[in-house]
Amino acid sequence: MSDPYPAAESTTDSAKASPPRLIDRLLSLVRREPEDREGIMTVLDAARARNLIDSDSYSMLKGALAVSEQTVLDVMVPRARMDLLDVSESIADLLPDIIETAHSRFPVFEESRDNIIGIAMTKDLLRRLVDPSLTLRDLVRPAVFIPETKRLNVLLQEFRSKRNHIAVVIDEHGGITGLVTLEDILEQIVGEIEDEYDVAGEQTVFSDGAQAWRVLATTEIQAFNTALNTKLPDGDYDTVGGWLAHALGRIPHRGDFCLHKDLRIEVMRADSRRALWLRVKRRLLNDSTTPAKVD
């Protein structure tokens, strides 16, 4: 007797013959549930090897897992490299430093750098154009203080729920040890976050006043020498950032600088892996013309 449902049989046979869907391939990887973090990483590695996820997604997933194991101490800007504003100074006197560092938020201290009384937002300074009587103290917002042992995933959730972007880090005795921002955490997941200082295109050296330049650390040494009419040496490195790391003997941090002949090369921005932006100034030569390394 013939099958009364030939169409259904045909459909079933066709489904069996069709290749597995993407979701089925993903599920096949995780049917054996990972028992620990290493198991999750094994699943991710297998998914990347089979091209089920691209390299960007793979990096972000790994970063998200890493954030849950990191603490504020791993990513914070150390106390010595924090850019602070003195509440006793006038806004007019502070503007050059605010423009130079180009931050959107600054911790504000009174009398001592250990006595942080709040946070000043750069955009709030625009209010002074309307009311010249405003002082920095009038514009200070409350600061958030957190322990250096706080996990980054917990802090990220707090930043989101409280709509905050910056926190002052303290040790077990209440002393200031550093500063952490929302961007510091997100960069652990998605990589470097570009802003107005990060430009596309071939230009990497920008004039920043008389005998001063803003330079991408990835600028090739030959291009740097041509732009500034100097002779930065080349060696086992191709970029200015590579030369700086070699001169310092370690990964450059924000605030580090080197002297090379008539140039002062300072790190304006850096992440945990490398220098990002440099500020270069031409200076008067003193008795020493050899590179000097200063932390």
C-alpha atoms as a PDB file:
ATOM      1  CA  MET A   1       0.000   0.000   0.000  1.00  0.00           C
ATOM      2  CA  SER A   2       1.308   3.380  -0.886  1.00  0.00           C
ATOM      3  CA  ASP A   3       2.128   5.879   1.876  1.00  0.00           C
ATOM      4  CA  PRO A   4      -0.840   8.214   2.404  1.00  0.00           C
ATOM      5  CA  TYR A   5       1.524  11.093   3.333  1.00  0.00           C
ATOM      6  CA  PRO A   6       4.189  11.198   0.622  1.00  0.00           C
ATOM      7  CA  ALA A   7       4.669  14.944   0.949  1.00  0.00           C
ATOM      8  CA  ALA A   8       5.513  14.679   4.662  1.00  0.00           C
ATOM      9  CA  GLU A   9       8.034  11.931   3.963  1.00  0.00           C
ATOM     10  CA  SER A  10       9.627  14.019   1.245  1.00  0.00           C
ATOM     11  CA  THR A  11       9.898  16.991   3.559  1.00  0.00           C
ATOM     12  CA  THR A  12      11.488  14.876   6.277  1.00  0.00           C
ATOM     13  CA  ASP A  13      14.018  13.402   3.898  1.00  0.00           C
ATOM     14  CA  SER A  14      14.841  16.869   2.608  1.00  0.00           C
ATOM     15  CA  ALA A  15      15.391  18.171   6.149  1.00  0.00           C
ATOM     16  CA  LYS A  16      17.699  15.270   6.925  1.00  0.00           C
ATOM     17  CA  ALA A  17      19.732  16.003   3.850  1.00  0.00           C
ATOM     18  CA  SER A  18      20.069  19.751   4.466  1.00  0.00           C
ATOM     19  CA  PRO A  19      23.184  21.066   6.205  1.00  0.00           C
ATOM     20  CA  PRO A  20      22.881  21.948   9.914  1.00  0.00           C
ATOM     21  CA  ARG A  21      21.872  25.489  10.736  1.00  0.00           C
ATOM     22  CA  LEU A  22      24.259  27.894  12.443  1.00  0.00           C
ATOM     23  CA  ILE A  23      22.367  27.630  15.714  1.00  0.00           C
ATOM     24  CA  ASP A  24      22.588  23.829  15.582  1.00  0.00           C
ATOM     25  CA  ARG A  25      26.339  24.043  15.051  1.00  0.00           C
ATOM     26  CA  LEU A  26      26.700  26.367  18.029  1.00  0.00           C
ATOM     27  CA  LEU A  27      24.557  24.131  20.224  1.00  0.00           C
ATOM     28  CA  SER A  28      26.623  21.109  19.256  1.00  0.00           C
ATOM     29  CA  LEU A  29      29.639  22.846  20.749  1.00  0.00           C
ATOM     30  CA  VAL A  30      28.032  23.437  24.113  1.00  0.00           C
ATOM     31  CA  ARG A  31      25.955  20.271  24.559  1.00  0.00           C
ATOM     32  CA  ARG A  32      28.620  19.166  27.006  1.00  0.00           C
ATOM     33  CA  GLU A  33      28.283  22.027  29.447  1.00  0.00           C
ATOM     34  CA  PRO A  34      31.589  23.662  30.487  1.00  0.00           C
ATOM     35  CA  GLU A  35      32.403  22.977  34.097  1.00  0.00           C
ATOM     36  CA  ASP A  36      34.701  25.961  34.640  1.00  0.00           C
ATOM     37  CA  ARG A  37      36.087  29.099  32.963  1.00  0.00           C
ATOM     38  CA  GLU A  38      38.659  27.064  31.069  1.00  0.00           C
ATOM     39  CA  GLY A  39      35.818  25.039  29.600  1.00  0.00           C
ATOM     40  CA  ILE A  40      34.101  28.203  28.392  1.00  0.00           C
ATOM     41  CA  MET A  41      37.342  29.355  26.775  1.00  0.00           C
ATOM     42  CA  THR A  42      37.646  25.975  25.061  1.00  0.00           C
ATOM     43  CA  VAL A  43      34.172  26.431  23.586  1.00  0.00           C
ATOM     44  CA  LEU A  44      35.059  29.942  22.403  1.00  0.00           C
ATOM     45  CA  ASP A  45      38.326  28.727  20.871  1.00  0.00           C
ATOM     46  CA  ALA A  46      36.465  25.968  19.025  1.00  0.00           C
ATOM     47  CA  ALA A  47      33.822  28.401  17.774  1.00  0.00           C
ATOM     48  CA  ARG A  48      36.520  30.767  16.488  1.00  0.00           C
ATOM     49  CA  ALA A  49      38.449  27.926  14.847  1.00  0.00           C
ATOM     50  CA  ARG A  50      35.286  26.875  12.990  1.00  0.00           C
ATOM     51  CA  ASN A  51      34.550  30.485  11.952  1.00  0.00           C
ATOM     52  CA  LEU A  52      31.285  30.515  13.884  1.00  0.00           C
ATOM     53  CA  ILE A  53      32.298  33.855  15.407  1.00  0.00           C
ATOM     54  CA  ASP A  54      34.578  36.477  13.942  1.00  0.00           C
ATOM     55  CA  SER A  55      37.765  37.756  15.547  1.00  0.00           C
ATOM     56  CA  ASP A  56      36.139  40.906  16.969  1.00  0.00           C
ATOM     57  CA  SER A  57      33.378  38.945  18.686  1.00  0.00           C
ATOM     58  CA  TYR A  58      35.924  36.449  19.962  1.00  0.00           C
ATOM     59  CA  SER A  59      38.065  39.233  21.489  1.00  0.00           C
ATOM     60  CA  MET A  60      35.066  40.902  23.129  1.00  0.00           C
ATOM     61  CA  LEU A  61      33.810  37.652  24.630  1.00  0.00           C
ATOM     62  CA  LYS A  62      37.245  36.937  26.042  1.00  0.00           C
ATOM     63  CA  GLY A  63      37.409  40.486  27.378  1.00  0.00           C
ATOM     64  CA  ALA A  64      34.018  40.148  29.027  1.00  0.00           C
ATOM     65  CA  LEU A  65      35.177  36.985  30.786  1.00  0.00           C
ATOM     66  CA  ALA A  66      38.415  38.657  31.877  1.00  0.00           C
ATOM     67  CA  VAL A  67      36.565  41.642  33.381  1.00  0.00           C
ATOM     68  CA  SER A  68      34.841  39.381  35.880  1.00  0.00           C
ATOM     69  CA  GLU A  69      38.258  38.341  37.197  1.00  0.00           C
ATOM     70  CA  GLN A  70      39.894  41.785  37.239  1.00  0.00           C
ATOM     71  CA  THR A  71      39.760  44.360  39.990  1.00  0.00           C
ATOM     72  CA  VAL A  72      39.937  48.140  39.915  1.00  0.00           C
ATOM     73  CA  LEU A  73      43.615  47.886  40.847  1.00  0.00           C
ATOM     74  CA  ASP A  74      44.320  46.233  37.467  1.00  0.00           C
ATOM     75  CA  VAL A  75      43.098  49.131  35.313  1.00  0.00           C
ATOM     76  CA  MET A  76      43.083  52.313  37.398  1.00  0.00           C
ATOM     77  CA  VAL A  77      45.192  55.397  36.713  1.00  0.00           C
ATOM     78  CA  PRO A  78      47.685  55.517  39.612  1.00  0.00           C
ATOM     79  CA  ARG A  79      47.541  58.423  42.048  1.00  0.00           C
ATOM     80  CA  ALA A  80      50.843  59.865  40.819  1.00  0.00           C
ATOM     81  CA  ARG A  81      49.448  60.220  37.293  1.00  0.00           C
ATOM     82  CA  MET A  82      46.043  61.661  38.179  1.00  0.00           C
ATOM     83  CA  ASP A  83      45.270  65.105  36.741  1.00  0.00           C
ATOM     84  CA  LEU A  84      43.632  67.115  39.523  1.00  0.00           C
ATOM     85  CA  LEU A  85      42.241  70.630  39.871  1.00  0.00           C
ATOM     86  CA  ASP A  86      42.860  72.847  42.889  1.00  0.00           C
ATOM     87  CA  VAL A  87      39.583  74.342  44.088  1.00  0.00           C
ATOM     88  CA  SER A  88      41.399  77.455  45.322  1.00  0.00           C
ATOM     89  CA  GLU A  89      42.570  78.419  41.817  1.00  0.00           C
ATOM     90  CA  SER A  90      40.512  80.486  39.420  1.00  0.00           C
ATOM     91  CA  ILE A  91      38.943  78.850  36.402  1.00  0.00           C
ATOM     92  CA  ALA A  92      40.925  81.175  34.138  1.00  0.00           C
ATOM     93  CA  ASP A  93      44.200  79.922  35.638  1.00  0.00           C
ATOM     94  CA  LEU A  94      43.107  76.289  35.338  1.00  0.00           C
ATOM     95  CA  LEU A  95      41.993  76.461  31.699  1.00  0.00           C
ATOM     96  CA  PRO A  96      45.452  75.871  30.141  1.00  0.00           C
ATOM     97  CA  ASP A  97      45.841  72.597  32.078  1.00  0.00           C
ATOM     98  CA  ILE A  98      42.265  71.570  31.294  1.00  0.00           C
ATOM     99  CA  ILE A  99      42.835  72.157  27.598  1.00  0.00           C
ATOM    100  CA  GLU A 100      46.224  70.434  27.699  1.00  0.00           C
ATOM    101  CA  THR A 101      44.974  67.212  29.291  1.00  0.00           C
ATOM    102  CA  ALA A 102      41.656  67.215  27.397  1.00  0.00           C
ATOM    103  CA  HIS A 103      39.717  65.227  30.003  1.00  0.00           C
ATOM    104  CA  SER A 104      35.962  65.516  30.348  1.00  0.00           C
ATOM    105  CA  ARG A 105      36.068  65.093  34.147  1.00  0.00           C
ATOM    106  CA  PHE A 106      38.586  66.080  36.812  1.00  0.00           C
ATOM    107  CA  PRO A 107      38.864  65.256  40.521  1.00  0.00           C
ATOM    108  CA  VAL A 108      39.004  68.459  42.573  1.00  0.00           C
ATOM    109  CA  PHE A 109      41.067  68.758  45.750  1.00  0.00           C
ATOM    110  CA  GLU A 110      41.341  71.285  48.544  1.00  0.00           C
ATOM    111  CA  GLU A 111      44.651  72.085  50.259  1.00  0.00           C
ATOM    112  CA  SER A 112      46.057  68.568  49.713  1.00  0.00           C
ATOM    113  CA  ARG A 113      45.884  66.144  46.790  1.00  0.00           C
ATOM    114  CA  ASP A 114      44.751  63.549  49.311  1.00  0.00           C
ATOM    115  CA  ASN A 115      41.670  65.620  50.101  1.00  0.00           C
ATOM    116  CA  ILE A 116      39.447  65.174  47.057  1.00  0.00           C
ATOM    117  CA  ILE A 117      36.200  67.076  47.553  1.00  0.00           C
ATOM    118  CA  GLY A 118      34.423  66.229  44.300  1.00  0.00           C
ATOM    119  CA  ILE A 119      34.461  66.002  40.531  1.00  0.00           C
ATOM    120  CA  ALA A 120      34.378  68.845  38.003  1.00  0.00           C
ATOM    121  CA  MET A 121      32.911  68.238  34.550  1.00  0.00           C
ATOM    122  CA  THR A 122      34.483  70.202  31.743  1.00  0.00           C
ATOM    123  CA  LYS A 123      31.127  70.949  30.137  1.00  0.00           C
ATOM    124  CA  ASP A 124      29.983  72.647  33.359  1.00  0.00           C
ATOM    125  CA  LEU A 125      32.651  75.285  32.817  1.00  0.00           C
ATOM    126  CA  LEU A 126      30.529  76.629  29.951  1.00  0.00           C
ATOM    127  CA  ARG A 127      28.124  77.964  32.556  1.00  0.00           C
ATOM    128  CA  ARG A 128      30.750  80.502  33.487  1.00  0.00           C
ATOM    129  CA  LEU A 129      30.260  82.184  30.115  1.00  0.00           C
ATOM    130  CA  VAL A 130      26.765  83.076  31.267  1.00  0.00           C
ATOM    131  CA  ASP A 131      27.668  83.783  34.893  1.00  0.00           C
ATOM    132  CA  PRO A 132      31.287  85.037  35.300  1.00  0.00           C
ATOM    133  CA  SER A 133      30.899  85.046  39.085  1.00  0.00           C
ATOM    134  CA  LEU A 134      30.921  81.231  39.223  1.00  0.00           C
ATOM    135  CA  THR A 135      33.974  79.619  40.817  1.00  0.00           C
ATOM    136  CA  LEU A 136      35.248  76.065  40.542  1.00  0.00           C
ATOM    137  CA  ARG A 137      33.761  75.281  43.946  1.00  0.00           C
ATOM    138  CA  ASP A 138      30.320  76.217  42.605  1.00  0.00           C
ATOM    139  CA  LEU A 139      30.652  73.620  39.851  1.00  0.00           C
ATOM    140  CA  VAL A 140      31.974  70.686  41.879  1.00  0.00           C
ATOM    141  CA  ARG A 141      29.812  67.552  41.897  1.00  0.00           C
ATOM    142  CA  PRO A 142      29.994  64.780  44.534  1.00  0.00           C
ATOM    143  CA  ALA A 143      32.743  62.199  44.034  1.00  0.00           C
ATOM    144  CA  VAL A 144      32.291  58.436  44.232  1.00  0.00           C
ATOM    145  CA  PHE A 145      34.906  56.552  46.262  1.00  0.00           C
ATOM    146  CA  ILE A 146      35.479  52.819  45.766  1.00  0.00           C
ATOM    147  CA  PRO A 147      37.959  50.254  47.145  1.00  0.00           C
ATOM    148  CA  GLU A 148      40.778  49.094  44.905  1.00  0.00           C
ATOM    149  CA  THR A 149      39.642  45.479  45.395  1.00  0.00           C
ATOM    150  CA  LYS A 150      36.233  46.003  43.748  1.00  0.00           C
ATOM    151  CA  ARG A 151      35.721  43.722  40.752  1.00  0.00           C
ATOM    152  CA  LEU A 152      35.317  45.416  37.402  1.00  0.00           C
ATOM    153  CA  ASN A 153      32.076  43.646  36.490  1.00  0.00           C
ATOM    154  CA  VAL A 154      30.513  44.881  39.735  1.00  0.00           C
ATOM    155  CA  LEU A 155      31.768  48.422  39.148  1.00  0.00           C
ATOM    156  CA  LEU A 156      30.486  48.382  35.572  1.00  0.00           C
ATOM    157  CA  GLN A 157      27.004  47.542  36.824  1.00  0.00           C
ATOM    158  CA  GLU A 158      27.220  50.346  39.399  1.00  0.00           C
ATOM    159  CA  PHE A 159      28.336  52.834  36.762  1.00  0.00           C
ATOM    160  CA  ARG A 160      25.345  51.860  34.622  1.00  0.00           C
ATOM    161  CA  SER A 161      22.744  51.919  37.388  1.00  0.00           C
ATOM    162  CA  LYS A 162      23.947  55.183  38.933  1.00  0.00           C
ATOM    163  CA  ARG A 163      24.742  56.868  35.606  1.00  0.00           C
ATOM    164  CA  ASN A 164      28.263  57.607  36.758  1.00  0.00           C
ATOM    165  CA  HIS A 165      31.443  57.620  34.658  1.00  0.00           C
ATOM    166  CA  ILE A 166      34.275  58.114  37.131  1.00  0.00           C
ATOM    167  CA  ALA A 167      35.305  56.961  40.606  1.00  0.00           C
ATOM    168  CA  VAL A 168      38.166  57.737  42.983  1.00  0.00           C
ATOM    169  CA  VAL A 169      39.975  54.628  44.217  1.00  0.00           C
ATOM    170  CA  ILE A 170      41.001  54.296  47.862  1.00  0.00           C
ATOM    171  CA  ASP A 171      43.001  51.714  49.810  1.00  0.00           C
ATOM    172  CA  GLU A 172      42.004  49.932  53.016  1.00  0.00           C
ATOM    173  CA  HIS A 173      43.147  52.914  55.071  1.00  0.00           C
ATOM    174  CA  GLY A 174      41.117  55.422  53.064  1.00  0.00           C
ATOM    175  CA  GLY A 175      44.088  56.879  51.191  1.00  0.00           C
ATOM    176  CA  ILE A 176      43.781  57.888  47.536  1.00  0.00           C
ATOM    177  CA  THR A 177      45.427  55.308  45.277  1.00  0.00           C
ATOM    178  CA  GLY A 178      44.055  56.114  41.845  1.00  0.00           C
ATOM    179  CA  LEU A 179      41.206  56.862  39.490  1.00  0.00           C
ATOM    180  CA  VAL A 180      39.038  54.652  37.283  1.00  0.00           C
ATOM    181  CA  THR A 181      36.551  55.573  34.553  1.00  0.00           C
ATOM    182  CA  LEU A 182      33.813  53.811  32.646  1.00  0.00           C
ATOM    183  CA  GLU A 183      36.022  53.959  29.563  1.00  0.00           C
ATOM    184  CA  ASP A 184      38.827  52.119  31.386  1.00  0.00           C
ATOM    185  CA  ILE A 185      36.478  49.178  31.964  1.00  0.00           C
ATOM    186  CA  LEU A 186      34.887  49.143  28.521  1.00  0.00           C
ATOM    187  CA  GLU A 187      38.297  49.153  26.863  1.00  0.00           C
ATOM    188  CA  GLN A 188      39.073  45.856  28.600  1.00  0.00           C
ATOM    189  CA  ILE A 189      36.144  44.369  26.652  1.00  0.00           C
ATOM    190  CA  VAL A 190      36.030  46.140  23.294  1.00  0.00           C
ATOM    191  CA  GLY A 191      39.589  47.438  23.008  1.00  0.00           C
ATOM    192  CA  GLU A 192      40.626  51.048  22.594  1.00  0.00           C
ATOM    193  CA  ILE A 193      37.712  53.482  22.382  1.00  0.00           C
ATOM    194  CA  GLU A 194      38.386  56.279  19.944  1.00  0.00           C
ATOM    195  CA  ASP A 195      37.536  59.892  20.701  1.00  0.00           C
ATOM    196  CA  GLU A 196      38.345  63.295  19.201  1.00  0.00           C
ATOM    197  CA  TYR A 197      42.045  62.620  19.681  1.00  0.00           C
ATOM    198  CA  ASP A 198      41.801  59.469  17.585  1.00  0.00           C
ATOM    199  CA  VAL A 199      41.676  60.363  13.935  1.00  0.00           C
ATOM    200  CA  ALA A 200      41.338  58.353  10.766  1.00  0.00           C
ATOM    201  CA  GLY A 201      43.532  58.785   7.769  1.00  0.00           C
ATOM    202  CA  GLU A 202      47.267  59.005   7.127  1.00  0.00           C
ATOM    203  CA  GLN A 203      48.087  62.116   9.155  1.00  0.00           C
ATOM    204  CA  THR A 204      49.577  61.246  12.538  1.00  0.00           C
ATOM    205  CA  VAL A 205      51.471  64.429  13.490  1.00  0.00           C
ATOM    206  CA  PHE A 206      49.473  67.551  14.355  1.00  0.00           C
ATOM    207  CA  SER A 207      50.633  71.031  15.253  1.00  0.00           C
ATOM    208  CA  ASP A 208      49.716  71.954  18.826  1.00  0.00           C
ATOM    209  CA  GLY A 209      51.071  75.467  19.222  1.00  0.00           C
ATOM    210  CA  ALA A 210      54.468  77.031  18.749  1.00  0.00           C
ATOM    211  CA  GLN A 211      57.153  74.332  18.573  1.00  0.00           C
ATOM    212  CA  ALA A 212      54.734  71.726  19.915  1.00  0.00           C
ATOM    213  CA  TRP A 213      53.015  68.753  18.310  1.00  0.00           C
ATOM    214  CA  ARG A 214      50.455  66.082  19.125  1.00  0.00           C
ATOM    215  CA  VAL A 215      51.686  62.743  17.738  1.00  0.00           C
ATOM    216  CA  LEU A 216      50.140  59.301  17.419  1.00  0.00           C
ATOM    217  CA  ALA A 217      52.462  56.777  19.042  1.00  0.00           C
ATOM    218  CA  THR A 218      52.048  54.575  15.961  1.00  0.00           C
ATOM    219  CA  THR A 219      53.739  57.226  13.799  1.00  0.00           C
ATOM    220  CA  GLU A 220      56.616  55.711  11.863  1.00  0.00           C
ATOM    221  CA  ILE A 221      59.997  57.071  12.877  1.00  0.00           C
ATOM    222  CA  GLN A 222      60.834  58.166   9.337  1.00  0.00           C
ATOM    223  CA  ALA A 223      57.594  60.175   9.102  1.00  0.00           C
ATOM    224  CA  PHE A 224      58.252  61.658  12.549  1.00  0.00           C
ATOM    225  CA  ASN A 225      61.773  62.735  11.608  1.00  0.00           C
ATOM    226  CA  THR A 226      60.538  64.294   8.388  1.00  0.00           C
ATOM    227  CA  ALA A 227      57.697  66.212  10.048  1.00  0.00           C
ATOM    228  CA  LEU A 228      59.835  67.579  12.895  1.00  0.00           C
ATOM    229  CA  ASN A 229      63.144  67.790  11.039  1.00  0.00           C
ATOM    230  CA  THR A 230      64.845  65.651  13.653  1.00  0.00           C
ATOM    231  CA  LYS A 231      66.820  62.419  13.832  1.00  0.00           C
ATOM    232  CA  LEU A 232      65.102  60.036  16.167  1.00  0.00           C
ATOM    233  CA  PRO A 233      67.110  56.802  15.900  1.00  0.00           C
ATOM    234  CA  ASP A 234      65.607  53.623  14.518  1.00  0.00           C
ATOM    235  CA  GLY A 235      66.463  50.117  15.620  1.00  0.00           C
ATOM    236  CA  ASP A 236      64.371  47.062  16.464  1.00  0.00           C
ATOM    237  CA  TYR A 237      61.290  49.267  16.350  1.00  0.00           C
ATOM    238  CA  ASP A 238      59.436  51.106  13.604  1.00  0.00           C
ATOM    239  CA  THR A 239      57.310  53.629  15.490  1.00  0.00           C
ATOM    240  CA  VAL A 240      57.813  56.495  17.927  1.00  0.00           C
ATOM    241  CA  GLY A 241      55.899  54.516  20.546  1.00  0.00           C
ATOM    242  CA  GLY A 242      58.247  51.579  20.019  1.00  0.00           C
ATOM    243  CA  TRP A 243      61.271  53.835  20.447  1.00  0.00           C
ATOM    244  CA  LEU A 244      59.799  55.298  23.633  1.00  0.00           C
ATOM    245  CA  ALA A 245      59.130  51.858  25.125  1.00  0.00           C
ATOM    246  CA  HIS A 246      62.712  50.869  24.298  1.00  0.00           C
ATOM    247  CA  ALA A 247      64.087  54.057  25.869  1.00  0.00           C
ATOM    248  CA  LEU A 248      62.059  53.571  29.048  1.00  0.00           C
ATOM    249  CA  GLY A 249      62.707  49.849  29.226  1.00  0.00           C
ATOM    250  CA  ARG A 250      59.014  49.111  29.838  1.00  0.00           C
ATOM    251  CA  ILE A 251      55.487  49.863  28.648  1.00  0.00           C
ATOM    252  CA  PRO A 252      55.025  53.668  28.703  1.00  0.00           C
ATOM    253  CA  HIS A 253      52.435  55.141  31.063  1.00  0.00           C
ATOM    254  CA  ARG A 254      50.611  58.442  30.920  1.00  0.00           C
ATOM    255  CA  GLY A 255      52.895  61.172  32.262  1.00  0.00           C
ATOM    256  CA  ASP A 256      56.158  59.440  31.309  1.00  0.00           C
ATOM    257  CA  PHE A 257      58.527  61.471  29.177  1.00  0.00           C
ATOM    258  CA  CYS A 258      61.929  61.246  27.523  1.00  0.00           C
ATOM    259  CA  LEU A 259      64.347  63.948  26.446  1.00  0.00           C
ATOM    260  CA  HIS A 260      66.018  63.458  23.097  1.00  0.00           C
ATOM    261  CA  LYS A 261      68.316  66.252  21.969  1.00  0.00           C
ATOM    262  CA  ASP A 262      66.059  69.309  21.690  1.00  0.00           C
ATOM    263  CA  LEU A 263      62.777  67.359  22.034  1.00  0.00           C
ATOM    264  CA  ARG A 264      60.692  66.531  25.077  1.00  0.00           C
ATOM    265  CA  ILE A 265      58.397  63.594  24.284  1.00  0.00           C
ATOM    266  CA  GLU A 266      55.626  63.008  26.829  1.00  0.00           C
ATOM    267  CA  VAL A 267      52.909  60.347  26.956  1.00  0.00           C
ATOM    268  CA  MET A 268      49.478  62.001  26.906  1.00  0.00           C
ATOM    269  CA  ARG A 269      47.420  58.829  26.648  1.00  0.00           C
ATOM    270  CA  ALA A 270      48.224  55.151  27.126  1.00  0.00           C
ATOM    271  CA  ASP A 271      46.491  51.892  27.831  1.00  0.00           C
ATOM    272  CA  SER A 272      47.738  48.785  29.604  1.00  0.00           C
ATOM    273  CA  ARG A 273      49.651  47.651  26.515  1.00  0.00           C
ATOM    274  CA  ARG A 274      51.186  50.716  24.867  1.00  0.00           C
ATOM    275  CA  ALA A 275      51.388  54.466  24.489  1.00  0.00           C
ATOM    276  CA  LEU A 276      48.621  55.981  22.353  1.00  0.00           C
ATOM    277  CA  TRP A 277      49.184  59.736  22.081  1.00  0.00           C
ATOM    278  CA  LEU A 278      52.350  61.778  22.626  1.00  0.00           C
ATOM    279  CA  ARG A 279      52.983  65.475  23.097  1.00  0.00           C
ATOM    280  CA  VAL A 280      56.272  66.667  21.655  1.00  0.00           C
ATOM    281  CA  LYS A 281      57.833  70.035  22.486  1.00  0.00           C
ATOM    282  CA  ARG A 282      61.028  71.560  21.215  1.00  0.00           C
ATOM    283  CA  ARG A 283      63.145  72.873  24.074  1.00  0.00           C
ATOM    284  CA  LEU A 284      66.384  74.773  24.591  1.00  0.00           C
ATOM    285  CA  LEU A 285      69.321  72.413  24.797  1.00  0.00           C
ATOM    286  CA  ASN A 286      71.127  72.155  28.120  1.00  0.00           C
ATOM    287  CA  ASP A 287      74.425  70.519  28.872  1.00  0.00           C
ATOM    288  CA  SER A 288      73.003  67.052  28.342  1.00  0.00           C
ATOM    289  CA  THR A 289      71.864  66.035  24.873  1.00  0.00           C
ATOM    290  CA  THR A 290      71.499  62.316  25.510  1.00  0.00           C
ATOM    291  CA  PRO A 291      68.089  60.774  26.003  1.00  0.00           C
ATOM    292  CA  ALA A 292      66.915  61.049  29.592  1.00  0.00           C
ATOM    293  CA  LYS A 293      64.346  58.712  31.065  1.00  0.00           C
ATOM    294  CA  VAL A 294      62.003  60.040  33.706  1.00  0.00           C
ATOM    295  CA  ASP A 295      59.123  58.234  35.397  1.00  0.00           C
END
